Amino acid sequence: MVGKSCFWQVAGFLMALLVSASASATVEATLDRTKIYETETATLTLVVRGDNDAEPDFDGLKDDFDLLATSRSSSFSYSNGRMESKRSWFITLAPKRQGKLTVPAIEVGSESSRPLTLEVLAPSAADAGDEVPAIFMETQIEPEGEVFVQGQIALSIKIFYATELQSGRLTELDVADAVVQRLGDDKSYTALRHGKRYNVFERRYAIFPQHSGELTIPSLSFRGSVRLASQGRRGIDPFFDPFGRLGAGSKQVRVKSDVKTVRVLPRPAEAKGRWWLPARELELSEQWSPEPPEFRVGEPVTRTITLRAKGLSATQLPDLPLGEVADINSYPDQALTHDEEENGWIIGSRQQKVALIPARAGQYTLPGITLQWWDSEANAPRSAHLPARTITVLPAAKAEEVAPAAATPARPLGQTDEAEQPPAVVEVVEAGYWPYVSAALLLLWMLTILGWWRERRREAKASAQQERPPARPGVLKKRLKRACDRNDPKAARDALLQWAAALAPEAPPTSLGQLAGWFEGDGAKEIEALDRALYAAATDRWQGAPLWRAIAPRLDSPIKPKRAARSDPDSALAPLYPRR
């Protein structure tokens, strides 16, 4: 009898477990807050109870929210004769817009949660009260209203934060139809806002629009986490509280910058110069070595011409025509280019050196140099000028002749050899330093001939290379693959442009910006990234693998360049970054 009673007790217990296991699962979603500001985040908690091993589908949240962080936990409990499993997910939501947003029903297998509503307020609503924002962003651009095509827009992005940042990330700036270049290093300092001192993080950009019309500078987003002070220790300064960190947590934050719009003006009809140079300042200067210069046949004099412009990068500055003068041989050196940043503006400089060696004495005139440019601040044409210079070339220096020794006077007739005569005095005149000068001139002349010979060989080699037939696309594809494997941006640029010229010899692209129009999607983006890597002052080394993956499938089939959708008056402008 006792055995039968134990049997039924065990059977009842097992039945209870089976009933508990077969109980229907439930899915419940909750928000920690139902009203937030646009710069804040909310936490969505999803709890699944019962026998449901399916994974939740959160894709529906991405329409109105950014999912910043996701974590999960699992637990089991036994109560009133029933065992229950519970799985929980915690999702940090950042709203993409203002208004009443719907958190849709989240499906977990055959079950789903109920939809929720989250009201998102404008950030200005927080400033209207007594509360001061803990973190916010400011965007400044100059000029604000209008800019000329290929002229610089100075953009400054500032993040103000009054709490301790534990981590953070600022999205990269990408502007359509414009070249973007970061300027200098990021800056950190403090500033007063809302009667409170903030830490400030500042990043600066130079933006060069490539077409006239309306240019939109998109919003940048900062995401990070800030440290929260212990809730139980209010009134204690967290910077001086030795136990503040023990009870502190973190909070996800996100702030956005404002969208800016600028009107891009075309090149004015009054701009008559050969080159289009919209700048805030431009100066042309020259230096001589030696200073002042002394021109003498066979002796070199170095002339250094420097072009410096505020609001233009060095790659936009032209190679100045120095002119030729009969009987004066000129040997130009390779130009030196340099970019620097000054108060948010890029300053490009181009320095050209040329050695002048006169071949004949006389008077000569070195032609002047005039460069037309456009004053973007005054909206007026300007010109920079180096005046013509008249020089006098002296004959080559000659060594002084050695004076002959004094002749011994003839002896009178009848005087014998034995007669006493005073000893003859022989005067020796030393040549001084002139033999060294002559040797130096001879050596200089030989070096000049050697330099001329090497230049002729280089020109002949370049001419022979130009006469070679263009390589086949298959060969150029292999060159591009090798350049990508070596992470060599210049070699990749050359291989791409040569490949395009082989496919379209009648109208080859002259820049990577034009070539990017041949591709769509990732191909165009990777070519533009290569263009930025060649000229931007970036610290990260360019990686060729993404470019090869994006465009390799398109290289085997002939590609025709896209026709422009409209006739742009700026299409005749010289490319911002000419091929080097």
Protein backbone atom coordinates (compact mmCIF):
# COMPACT_ATOMS: atom_id res chain seq x y z
CA MET A 1 0.00 0.00 0.00
CA VAL A 2 2.85 2.31 0.85
CA GLY A 3 4.62 1.40 -2.38
CA LYS A 4 1.54 2.21 -4.44
CA SER A 5 1.16 5.60 -2.72
CA CYS A 6 4.80 6.54 -3.51
CA PHE A 7 4.29 5.51 -7.10
CA TRP A 8 1.36 7.90 -7.56
CA GLN A 9 3.25 10.75 -5.88
CA VAL A 10 6.17 10.36 -8.26
CA ALA A 11 3.83 10.10 -11.23
CA GLY A 12 2.05 13.27 -10.17
CA PHE A 13 5.34 15.12 -9.87
CA LEU A 14 6.40 14.02 -13.36
CA MET A 15 3.04 15.05 -14.80
CA ALA A 16 3.44 18.48 -13.21
CA LEU A 17 6.83 18.84 -14.87
CA LEU A 18 5.39 17.82 -18.23
CA VAL A 19 2.53 20.28 -17.89
CA SER A 20 5.02 22.99 -16.93
CA ALA A 21 7.26 22.19 -19.90
CA SER A 22 4.36 22.16 -22.33
CA ALA A 23 2.96 25.45 -21.06
CA SER A 24 2.69 28.10 -23.76
CA ALA A 25 5.61 30.53 -24.05
CA THR A 26 5.16 34.27 -23.58
CA VAL A 27 7.05 37.22 -25.09
CA GLU A 28 7.04 40.57 -23.30
CA ALA A 29 8.72 43.86 -24.35
CA THR A 30 9.17 46.94 -22.14
CA LEU A 31 10.92 50.33 -22.37
CA ASP A 32 12.77 51.91 -19.48
CA ARG A 33 11.32 55.31 -20.56
CA THR A 34 8.45 56.35 -22.80
CA LYS A 35 9.67 59.91 -23.47
CA ILE A 36 13.25 60.94 -24.32
CA TYR A 37 15.11 63.71 -26.12
CA GLU A 38 16.59 63.10 -29.53
CA THR A 39 20.12 63.14 -28.14
CA GLU A 40 19.31 60.43 -25.56
CA THR A 41 18.86 56.67 -25.73
CA ALA A 42 16.25 54.25 -24.40
CA THR A 43 16.67 50.62 -23.31
CA LEU A 44 14.30 47.99 -24.69
CA THR A 45 13.98 44.81 -22.60
CA LEU A 46 12.60 41.67 -24.27
CA VAL A 47 11.73 38.69 -22.02
CA VAL A 48 10.82 35.24 -23.37
CA ARG A 49 9.36 32.78 -20.83
CA GLY A 50 8.55 29.14 -21.37
CA ASP A 51 9.44 26.58 -23.99
CA ASN A 52 10.63 28.75 -26.89
CA ASP A 53 14.16 28.29 -28.22
CA ALA A 54 13.78 30.61 -31.23
CA GLU A 55 15.88 33.77 -31.60
CA PRO A 56 14.13 37.17 -31.74
CA ASP A 57 14.08 39.19 -34.96
CA PHE A 58 15.16 42.81 -34.31
CA ASP A 59 15.30 43.97 -37.96
CA GLY A 60 12.04 45.87 -37.61
CA LEU A 61 13.66 48.22 -35.09
CA LYS A 62 16.19 49.55 -37.61
CA ASP A 63 13.67 51.70 -39.49
CA ASP A 64 13.45 54.31 -36.71
CA PHE A 65 16.31 53.39 -34.37
CA ASP A 66 20.03 52.72 -34.31
CA LEU A 67 20.86 49.63 -32.24
CA LEU A 68 23.89 50.75 -30.24
CA ALA A 69 24.35 47.77 -27.91
CA THR A 70 22.75 44.38 -27.26
CA SER A 71 23.20 42.00 -24.32
CA ARG A 72 21.35 38.90 -23.10
CA SER A 73 20.89 36.67 -20.07
CA SER A 74 19.22 33.33 -19.24
CA SER A 75 17.79 31.91 -16.00
CA PHE A 76 15.68 29.04 -14.65
CA SER A 77 13.32 29.02 -11.66
CA TYR A 78 11.15 26.45 -9.86
CA SER A 79 8.01 27.62 -8.07
CA ASN A 80 4.75 25.99 -7.00
CA GLY A 81 5.72 22.71 -8.58
CA ARG A 82 6.57 24.30 -11.91
CA MET A 83 9.93 24.93 -13.60
CA GLU A 84 10.19 28.00 -15.78
CA SER A 85 12.95 29.21 -18.12
CA LYS A 86 13.49 32.90 -18.86
CA ARG A 87 15.64 34.53 -21.55
CA SER A 88 16.15 38.30 -21.63
CA TRP A 89 17.59 40.73 -24.20
CA PHE A 90 18.59 44.34 -23.50
CA ILE A 91 18.87 46.64 -26.54
CA THR A 92 20.05 50.27 -26.42
CA LEU A 93 17.98 52.30 -28.91
CA ALA A 94 19.03 55.66 -30.39
CA PRO A 95 16.18 57.40 -32.25
CA LYS A 96 16.78 58.50 -35.84
CA ARG A 97 14.15 61.26 -35.77
CA GLN A 98 11.75 63.21 -33.58
CA GLY A 99 8.10 62.46 -32.94
CA LYS A 100 6.13 59.49 -31.67
CA LEU A 101 8.01 56.40 -32.79
CA THR A 102 6.64 52.87 -32.71
CA VAL A 103 8.65 49.96 -31.39
CA PRO A 104 7.15 47.22 -33.57
CA ALA A 105 6.10 43.78 -32.39
CA ILE A 106 9.13 41.52 -32.10
CA GLU A 107 8.66 37.96 -33.28
CA VAL A 108 10.25 35.06 -31.42
CA GLY A 109 9.32 31.89 -33.25
CA SER A 110 5.53 31.70 -33.37
CA GLU A 111 5.09 34.23 -30.56
CA SER A 112 5.49 38.03 -30.65
CA SER A 113 5.47 40.98 -28.28
CA ARG A 114 3.07 43.88 -28.31
CA PRO A 115 4.13 47.12 -30.07
CA LEU A 116 5.26 50.04 -27.89
CA THR A 117 5.33 53.83 -28.36
CA LEU A 118 8.33 56.07 -27.63
CA GLU A 119 8.00 59.87 -27.80
CA VAL A 120 11.17 61.63 -29.00
CA LEU A 121 11.47 65.36 -28.21
CA ALA A 122 13.63 67.96 -29.93
CA PRO A 123 16.97 68.69 -28.20
CA SER A 124 15.98 72.35 -27.75
CA ALA A 125 13.25 71.28 -25.36
CA ALA A 126 15.95 70.31 -22.87
CA ASP A 127 17.59 73.72 -23.10
CA ALA A 128 14.31 75.51 -22.42
CA GLY A 129 14.30 74.34 -18.81
CA ASP A 130 16.85 74.67 -16.08
CA GLU A 131 18.74 71.55 -17.16
CA VAL A 132 22.01 72.15 -19.01
CA PRO A 133 22.96 69.58 -21.70
CA ALA A 134 25.78 67.26 -20.68
CA ILE A 135 26.98 66.76 -24.27
CA PHE A 136 26.23 68.52 -27.55
CA MET A 137 27.81 69.38 -30.91
CA GLU A 138 28.43 72.59 -32.86
CA THR A 139 29.11 72.96 -36.57
CA GLN A 140 30.77 76.00 -38.14
CA ILE A 141 31.43 76.59 -41.83
CA GLU A 142 33.08 79.48 -43.66
CA PRO A 143 31.91 80.94 -45.94
CA GLU A 144 28.35 80.25 -44.84
CA GLY A 145 26.27 81.27 -47.85
CA GLU A 146 28.20 80.96 -51.12
CA VAL A 147 31.49 79.56 -52.36
CA PHE A 148 33.09 79.34 -55.79
CA VAL A 149 33.54 75.97 -57.44
CA GLN A 150 36.85 74.33 -56.42
CA GLY A 151 37.23 76.92 -53.64
CA GLN A 152 37.63 75.83 -50.03
CA ILE A 153 34.87 75.51 -47.46
CA ALA A 154 36.34 75.52 -43.94
CA LEU A 155 34.34 73.14 -41.71
CA SER A 156 34.79 72.83 -37.93
CA ILE A 157 33.07 70.09 -35.89
CA LYS A 158 33.10 70.57 -32.10
CA ILE A 159 31.89 68.18 -29.39
CA PHE A 160 31.21 69.74 -25.98
CA TYR A 161 31.00 67.35 -23.03
CA ALA A 162 30.77 68.06 -19.30
CA THR A 163 30.92 64.45 -18.12
CA GLU A 164 33.69 61.89 -18.33
CA LEU A 165 33.76 60.11 -21.69
CA GLN A 166 34.62 56.43 -21.42
CA SER A 167 34.57 55.80 -25.17
CA GLY A 168 33.37 57.47 -28.32
CA ARG A 169 33.42 57.48 -32.10
CA LEU A 170 32.76 60.28 -34.59
CA THR A 171 31.57 59.25 -38.05
CA GLU A 172 33.67 60.19 -41.07
CA LEU A 173 32.62 63.05 -43.34
CA ASP A 174 31.60 62.15 -46.89
CA VAL A 175 30.27 64.92 -49.15
CA ALA A 176 28.92 64.12 -52.60
CA ASP A 177 30.51 66.00 -55.55
CA ALA A 178 33.30 67.34 -53.36
CA VAL A 179 36.85 66.52 -52.28
CA VAL A 180 37.18 66.30 -48.49
CA GLN A 181 40.50 66.67 -46.68
CA ARG A 182 41.12 66.59 -42.93
CA LEU A 183 43.23 69.47 -41.67
CA GLY A 184 45.93 68.99 -39.06
CA ASP A 185 45.47 67.09 -35.82
CA ASP A 186 42.34 67.00 -33.67
CA LYS A 187 42.33 69.64 -30.93
CA SER A 188 41.27 69.40 -27.27
CA TYR A 189 40.62 72.35 -24.98
CA THR A 190 37.95 73.81 -22.65
CA ALA A 191 35.28 76.46 -23.25
CA LEU A 192 32.33 78.09 -21.48
CA ARG A 193 28.79 77.35 -22.68
CA HIS A 194 25.48 77.77 -20.82
CA GLY A 195 27.44 79.23 -17.91
CA LYS A 196 29.35 75.98 -17.53
CA ARG A 197 32.85 74.88 -18.49
CA TYR A 198 33.00 72.07 -21.04
CA ASN A 199 35.74 69.94 -22.49
CA VAL A 200 35.89 70.44 -26.26
CA PHE A 201 36.99 68.07 -29.01
CA GLU A 202 37.46 69.77 -32.40
CA ARG A 203 38.08 68.33 -35.86
CA ARG A 204 38.58 70.46 -38.99
CA TYR A 205 37.99 69.71 -42.65
CA ALA A 206 38.65 71.40 -45.99
CA ILE A 207 35.89 70.78 -48.55
CA PHE A 208 36.39 71.54 -52.26
CA PRO A 209 33.11 71.38 -54.27
CA GLN A 210 33.62 70.14 -57.82
CA HIS A 211 30.38 71.32 -59.44
CA SER A 212 28.20 74.39 -59.20
CA GLY A 213 24.76 74.18 -57.61
CA GLU A 214 23.61 73.34 -54.09
CA LEU A 215 26.05 71.44 -51.90
CA THR A 216 24.79 69.62 -48.80
CA ILE A 217 27.17 68.89 -45.95
CA PRO A 218 25.57 65.97 -44.09
CA SER A 219 25.20 65.58 -40.37
CA LEU A 220 27.94 63.84 -38.42
CA SER A 221 27.09 61.56 -35.52
CA PHE A 222 28.99 60.99 -32.29
CA ARG A 223 28.30 57.85 -30.29
CA GLY A 224 29.89 57.03 -26.99
CA SER A 225 29.42 56.17 -23.35
CA VAL A 226 29.68 58.49 -20.37
CA ARG A 227 30.27 57.64 -16.73
CA LEU A 228 27.34 58.03 -14.38
CA ALA A 229 27.89 59.13 -10.79
CA SER A 230 26.70 56.84 -7.99
CA GLN A 231 22.98 57.38 -7.38
CA GLY A 232 23.42 57.08 -3.63
CA ARG A 233 26.10 59.73 -3.31
CA ARG A 234 24.50 62.84 -4.76
CA GLY A 235 26.03 66.09 -3.64
CA ILE A 236 29.57 64.69 -3.69
CA ASP A 237 31.82 65.92 -6.46
CA PRO A 238 32.63 62.80 -8.53
CA PHE A 239 36.04 64.23 -9.42
CA PHE A 240 37.01 64.32 -5.72
CA ASP A 241 34.99 61.35 -4.47
CA PRO A 242 37.40 58.44 -3.86
CA PHE A 243 34.47 56.00 -3.88
CA GLY A 244 32.58 57.56 -6.78
CA ARG A 245 33.80 55.04 -9.33
CA LEU A 246 32.77 52.09 -7.18
CA GLY A 247 29.10 52.84 -7.59
CA ALA A 248 29.29 54.41 -11.01
CA GLY A 249 27.84 53.00 -14.20
CA SER A 250 27.87 54.08 -17.82
CA LYS A 251 25.30 55.45 -20.21
CA GLN A 252 25.19 55.35 -24.00
CA VAL A 253 24.88 58.78 -25.64
CA ARG A 254 24.54 59.98 -29.19
CA VAL A 255 24.59 63.51 -30.58
CA LYS A 256 24.40 64.83 -34.12
CA SER A 257 25.69 67.90 -35.88
CA ASP A 258 23.52 70.15 -38.01
CA VAL A 259 23.14 69.66 -41.76
CA LYS A 260 24.64 72.58 -43.68
CA THR A 261 23.82 73.77 -47.20
CA VAL A 262 26.07 75.96 -49.35
CA ARG A 263 25.45 77.43 -52.77
CA VAL A 264 28.34 76.71 -55.15
CA LEU A 265 28.94 79.42 -57.76
CA PRO A 266 30.43 78.66 -61.20
CA ARG A 267 33.59 80.26 -62.54
CA PRO A 268 32.80 83.92 -63.32
CA ALA A 269 33.00 85.16 -66.88
CA GLU A 270 35.38 87.89 -65.70
CA ALA A 271 37.99 85.27 -64.76
CA LYS A 272 40.21 85.51 -67.84
CA GLY A 273 43.31 83.71 -66.64
CA ARG A 274 44.60 80.43 -67.98
CA TRP A 275 44.04 78.78 -64.60
CA TRP A 276 41.05 78.99 -62.27
CA LEU A 277 42.43 79.86 -58.83
CA PRO A 278 39.74 80.91 -56.29
CA ALA A 279 41.68 81.87 -53.15
CA ARG A 280 41.45 84.18 -50.16
CA GLU A 281 45.09 85.22 -50.55
CA LEU A 282 47.77 84.51 -53.16
CA GLU A 283 51.33 85.73 -53.37
CA LEU A 284 54.23 85.21 -55.77
CA SER A 285 57.82 85.72 -54.60
CA GLU A 286 61.36 85.02 -55.76
CA GLN A 287 64.78 84.54 -54.16
CA TRP A 288 68.28 84.40 -55.63
CA SER A 289 71.36 82.46 -54.65
CA PRO A 290 73.74 84.15 -54.29
CA GLU A 291 71.94 87.26 -53.06
CA PRO A 292 72.32 89.73 -54.69
CA PRO A 293 72.94 87.73 -57.86
CA GLU A 294 76.08 88.29 -59.92
CA PHE A 295 75.92 86.89 -63.43
CA ARG A 296 79.13 85.73 -65.06
CA VAL A 297 79.71 83.48 -68.07
CA GLY A 298 79.82 79.82 -67.04
CA GLU A 299 78.79 80.42 -63.43
CA PRO A 300 75.35 79.24 -62.16
CA VAL A 301 72.86 81.44 -60.36
CA THR A 302 69.82 79.80 -58.71
CA ARG A 303 66.40 81.44 -58.93
CA THR A 304 63.68 80.20 -56.56
CA ILE A 305 60.06 81.14 -57.29
CA THR A 306 57.42 80.40 -54.62
CA LEU A 307 53.66 80.45 -55.17
CA ARG A 308 51.60 80.43 -51.95
CA ALA A 309 47.78 80.49 -51.74
CA LYS A 310 45.30 80.49 -48.85
CA GLY A 311 42.25 78.38 -49.61
CA LEU A 312 43.89 76.20 -52.28
CA SER A 313 45.78 72.94 -51.90
CA ALA A 314 49.25 72.56 -53.38
CA THR A 315 47.93 70.21 -56.07
CA GLN A 316 45.70 73.00 -57.40
CA LEU A 317 48.62 75.37 -58.00
CA PRO A 318 49.98 75.48 -61.58
CA ASP A 319 53.50 74.94 -62.87
CA LEU A 320 54.61 78.47 -63.76
CA PRO A 321 56.14 79.17 -67.19
CA LEU A 322 59.59 80.66 -66.48
CA GLY A 323 60.39 81.60 -70.08
CA GLU A 324 63.64 81.17 -71.98
CA VAL A 325 66.36 83.70 -72.77
CA ALA A 326 68.85 83.29 -75.60
CA ASP A 327 72.44 82.60 -74.50
CA ILE A 328 71.28 81.73 -70.95
CA ASN A 329 70.89 78.03 -70.26
CA SER A 330 68.23 77.12 -67.70
CA TYR A 331 68.06 73.88 -65.72
CA PRO A 332 64.81 73.60 -63.70
CA ASP A 333 64.59 71.36 -60.65
CA GLN A 334 61.55 69.30 -59.65
CA ALA A 335 58.89 71.46 -57.99
CA LEU A 336 58.33 71.07 -54.25
CA THR A 337 54.72 71.16 -52.96
CA HIS A 338 53.47 71.47 -49.41
CA ASP A 339 50.15 71.91 -47.56
CA GLU A 340 49.74 73.39 -44.10
CA GLU A 341 46.80 74.45 -41.94
CA GLU A 342 46.27 77.88 -40.47
CA ASN A 343 43.15 78.63 -38.40
CA GLY A 344 41.02 76.18 -40.34
CA TRP A 345 42.28 77.18 -43.80
CA ILE A 346 44.53 75.15 -46.03
CA ILE A 347 47.60 76.95 -47.36
CA GLY A 348 49.18 75.35 -50.39
CA SER A 349 52.63 76.26 -51.64
CA ARG A 350 54.59 75.36 -54.75
CA GLN A 351 58.31 76.10 -55.03
CA GLN A 352 60.20 75.98 -58.32
CA LYS A 353 63.98 76.27 -58.60
CA VAL A 354 65.94 76.89 -61.80
CA ALA A 355 69.69 77.21 -62.33
CA LEU A 356 70.68 79.92 -64.85
CA ILE A 357 74.11 79.63 -66.53
CA PRO A 358 74.99 82.42 -69.00
CA ALA A 359 76.90 81.40 -72.11
CA ARG A 360 77.85 84.88 -73.38
CA ALA A 361 78.55 88.25 -71.80
CA GLY A 362 76.17 91.16 -72.31
CA GLN A 363 72.83 92.55 -71.15
CA TYR A 364 69.74 90.35 -71.03
CA THR A 365 66.16 90.68 -69.84
CA LEU A 366 64.54 87.91 -67.81
CA PRO A 367 60.80 87.96 -68.61
CA GLY A 368 58.30 88.80 -65.88
CA ILE A 369 55.68 86.38 -64.56
CA THR A 370 52.00 87.31 -64.19
CA LEU A 371 49.43 84.98 -62.61
CA GLN A 372 45.69 85.73 -62.69
CA TRP A 373 43.61 84.57 -59.71
CA TRP A 374 40.19 85.21 -58.16
CA ASP A 375 39.78 86.87 -54.77
CA SER A 376 36.99 84.77 -53.23
CA GLU A 377 36.48 87.20 -50.33
CA ALA A 378 36.22 90.38 -52.43
CA ASN A 379 34.64 88.53 -55.39
CA ALA A 380 37.02 90.27 -57.80
CA PRO A 381 39.84 89.32 -60.18
CA ARG A 382 43.39 89.81 -58.97
CA SER A 383 46.87 89.28 -60.38
CA ALA A 384 50.21 88.37 -58.84
CA HIS A 385 53.27 89.70 -60.66
CA LEU A 386 57.03 89.32 -60.71
CA PRO A 387 58.52 92.14 -62.82
CA ALA A 388 60.98 91.60 -65.64
CA ARG A 389 64.63 91.92 -64.62
CA THR A 390 67.50 93.27 -66.71
CA ILE A 391 70.80 91.61 -65.89
CA THR A 392 74.39 92.20 -66.94
CA VAL A 393 76.49 89.12 -67.62
CA LEU A 394 80.20 89.63 -67.03
CA PRO A 395 82.90 87.77 -68.96
CA ALA A 396 84.35 84.64 -67.48
CA ALA A 397 87.03 85.25 -64.87
CA LYS A 398 90.63 84.81 -66.16
CA ALA A 399 93.82 83.95 -64.24
CA GLU A 400 96.44 86.71 -64.00
CA GLU A 401 99.47 86.17 -66.19
CA VAL A 402 102.82 85.46 -64.44
CA ALA A 403 105.29 88.39 -64.85
CA PRO A 404 108.54 87.33 -66.64
CA ALA A 405 111.80 87.26 -64.62
CA ALA A 406 114.20 90.25 -65.01
CA ALA A 407 116.75 89.65 -67.80
CA THR A 408 120.43 89.50 -66.92
CA PRO A 409 122.22 92.52 -68.46
CA ALA A 410 124.86 91.76 -71.14
CA ARG A 411 128.48 92.01 -70.06
CA PRO A 412 130.56 94.83 -71.62
CA LEU A 413 133.12 93.91 -74.28
CA GLY A 414 136.43 92.99 -72.91
CA GLN A 415 135.11 91.96 -69.47
CA THR A 416 136.40 88.58 -68.54
CA ASP A 417 134.52 85.83 -66.78
CA GLU A 418 136.74 86.24 -63.78
CA ALA A 419 135.59 89.80 -63.17
CA GLU A 420 133.56 90.14 -60.04
CA GLN A 421 129.90 90.67 -60.71
CA PRO A 422 127.09 91.20 -58.22
CA PRO A 423 124.75 88.18 -57.94
CA ALA A 424 121.73 88.32 -60.24
CA VAL A 425 118.45 88.91 -58.47
CA VAL A 426 115.60 86.74 -59.86
CA GLU A 427 112.06 87.99 -58.97
CA VAL A 428 109.48 85.18 -58.74
CA VAL A 429 105.85 86.27 -58.97
CA GLU A 430 103.43 83.70 -57.49
CA ALA A 431 100.13 83.06 -59.28
CA GLY A 432 98.14 83.38 -56.05
CA TYR A 433 94.62 81.79 -55.94
CA TRP A 434 93.85 82.05 -59.66
CA PRO A 435 94.92 78.49 -60.51
CA TYR A 436 92.33 77.23 -58.02
CA VAL A 437 89.65 79.46 -59.55
CA SER A 438 90.48 78.14 -63.00
CA ALA A 439 90.29 74.56 -61.80
CA ALA A 440 86.91 75.23 -60.15
CA LEU A 441 85.57 76.80 -63.36
CA LEU A 442 86.77 73.84 -65.38
CA LEU A 443 85.09 71.42 -62.98
CA LEU A 444 81.86 73.44 -63.08
CA TRP A 445 81.93 73.44 -66.88
CA MET A 446 82.36 69.66 -66.91
CA LEU A 447 79.46 69.23 -64.48
CA THR A 448 77.28 71.43 -66.71
CA ILE A 449 78.08 69.29 -69.75
CA LEU A 450 77.32 66.15 -67.72
CA GLY A 451 73.98 67.57 -66.56
CA TRP A 452 73.06 68.54 -70.11
CA TRP A 453 73.95 65.06 -71.35
CA ARG A 454 71.86 63.35 -68.66
CA GLU A 455 68.88 65.62 -69.40
CA ARG A 456 69.09 64.74 -73.09
CA ARG A 457 69.14 61.05 -72.20
CA ARG A 458 66.12 61.46 -69.91
CA GLU A 459 64.15 63.29 -72.60
CA ALA A 460 65.07 60.66 -75.19
CA LYS A 461 63.97 57.90 -72.80
CA ALA A 462 60.68 59.69 -72.07
CA SER A 463 60.09 60.17 -75.80
CA ALA A 464 60.76 56.49 -76.45
CA GLN A 465 58.32 55.55 -73.71
CA GLN A 466 55.65 57.79 -75.20
CA GLU A 467 56.11 56.14 -78.60
CA ARG A 468 55.54 52.67 -77.17
CA PRO A 469 52.13 51.19 -77.92
CA PRO A 470 49.82 51.18 -74.88
CA ALA A 471 49.77 48.01 -72.84
CA ARG A 472 46.86 45.64 -73.20
CA PRO A 473 44.06 45.76 -70.59
CA GLY A 474 45.02 42.28 -69.38
CA VAL A 475 48.58 43.36 -68.63
CA LEU A 476 47.34 46.51 -66.90
CA LYS A 477 44.95 44.43 -64.82
CA LYS A 478 47.92 42.41 -63.52
CA ARG A 479 49.76 45.65 -62.72
CA LEU A 480 46.75 46.85 -60.74
CA LYS A 481 46.61 43.53 -58.85
CA ARG A 482 50.30 43.83 -57.90
CA ALA A 483 49.81 47.45 -56.79
CA CYS A 484 46.84 46.45 -54.60
CA ASP A 485 48.80 43.55 -53.10
CA ARG A 486 51.66 45.94 -52.24
CA ASN A 487 49.22 48.59 -50.92
CA ASP A 488 50.85 51.10 -53.31
CA PRO A 489 48.29 53.90 -54.00
CA LYS A 490 50.36 55.69 -56.67
CA ALA A 491 50.98 52.53 -58.67
CA ALA A 492 47.29 51.63 -58.36
CA ARG A 493 46.30 55.09 -59.62
CA ASP A 494 48.63 54.82 -62.63
CA ALA A 495 47.46 51.30 -63.52
CA LEU A 496 43.78 52.31 -63.32
CA LEU A 497 44.20 55.37 -65.54
CA GLN A 498 46.30 53.41 -68.07
CA TRP A 499 43.67 50.67 -68.12
CA ALA A 500 40.92 53.23 -68.77
CA ALA A 501 43.00 54.88 -71.53
CA ALA A 502 43.41 51.49 -73.22
CA LEU A 503 39.62 51.00 -73.24
CA ALA A 504 38.71 54.56 -74.25
CA PRO A 505 41.71 56.05 -76.11
CA GLU A 506 39.52 58.66 -77.77
CA ALA A 507 38.53 60.27 -74.45
CA PRO A 508 40.49 58.77 -71.54
CA PRO A 509 39.77 60.00 -67.99
CA THR A 510 42.42 62.31 -66.58
CA SER A 511 41.69 61.79 -62.89
CA LEU A 512 40.37 59.17 -60.49
CA GLY A 513 37.35 61.37 -59.90
CA GLN A 514 36.34 61.00 -63.56
CA LEU A 515 37.14 57.28 -63.55
CA ALA A 516 34.89 56.73 -60.51
CA GLY A 517 31.95 57.68 -62.76
CA TRP A 518 32.55 54.47 -64.72
CA PHE A 519 31.60 52.37 -61.71
CA GLU A 520 28.72 52.11 -59.26
CA GLY A 521 28.41 51.19 -55.61
CA ASP A 522 31.54 49.90 -53.88
CA GLY A 523 33.67 50.31 -57.01
CA ALA A 524 33.10 54.07 -57.15
CA LYS A 525 33.53 54.43 -53.39
CA GLU A 526 36.86 52.55 -53.35
CA ILE A 527 38.24 54.60 -56.26
CA GLU A 528 37.25 57.81 -54.44
CA ALA A 529 38.90 56.42 -51.27
CA LEU A 530 42.08 55.82 -53.29
CA ASP A 531 41.93 59.41 -54.55
CA ARG A 532 41.62 60.72 -50.99
CA ALA A 533 44.46 58.50 -49.78
CA LEU A 534 46.80 59.96 -52.40
CA TYR A 535 46.38 63.56 -51.26
CA ALA A 536 44.74 63.60 -47.82
CA ALA A 537 46.89 63.93 -44.75
CA ALA A 538 45.76 60.64 -43.40
CA THR A 539 47.68 58.64 -40.83
CA ASP A 540 46.21 55.23 -41.84
CA ARG A 541 48.01 53.41 -44.62
CA TRP A 542 45.90 52.73 -47.72
CA GLN A 543 44.86 49.10 -48.14
CA GLY A 544 44.47 47.81 -51.71
CA ALA A 545 42.44 44.66 -51.02
CA PRO A 546 39.01 46.43 -50.81
CA LEU A 547 39.64 48.21 -54.13
CA TRP A 548 40.60 44.99 -55.89
CA ARG A 549 37.56 43.13 -54.53
CA ALA A 550 35.22 45.93 -55.62
CA ILE A 551 36.40 46.43 -59.22
CA ALA A 552 38.10 43.17 -60.26
CA PRO A 553 34.85 41.59 -61.58
CA ARG A 554 34.31 44.64 -63.84
CA LEU A 555 37.80 44.79 -65.37
CA ASP A 556 37.38 41.91 -67.85
CA SER A 557 34.39 43.39 -69.69
CA PRO A 558 34.62 46.61 -71.73
CA ILE A 559 33.13 49.51 -69.81
CA LYS A 560 31.93 52.69 -71.44
CA PRO A 561 32.13 55.91 -69.45
CA LYS A 562 28.79 57.34 -68.39
CA ARG A 563 27.52 60.35 -70.26
CA ALA A 564 26.86 63.41 -68.16
CA ALA A 565 23.22 63.83 -67.24
CA ARG A 566 23.40 67.56 -67.88
CA SER A 567 25.72 70.05 -69.43
CA ASP A 568 27.74 71.49 -66.60
CA PRO A 569 29.55 74.76 -67.31
CA ASP A 570 32.23 73.67 -64.83
CA SER A 571 33.14 70.53 -66.77
CA ALA A 572 35.80 72.50 -68.63
CA LEU A 573 37.62 73.26 -65.40
CA ALA A 574 40.96 71.66 -64.81
CA PRO A 575 40.76 68.65 -62.44
CA LEU A 576 41.39 69.47 -58.81
CA TYR A 577 44.06 66.79 -58.54
CA PRO A 578 45.88 66.49 -61.87
CA ARG A 579 47.71 63.30 -62.61
CA ARG A 580 51.30 63.40 -61.45
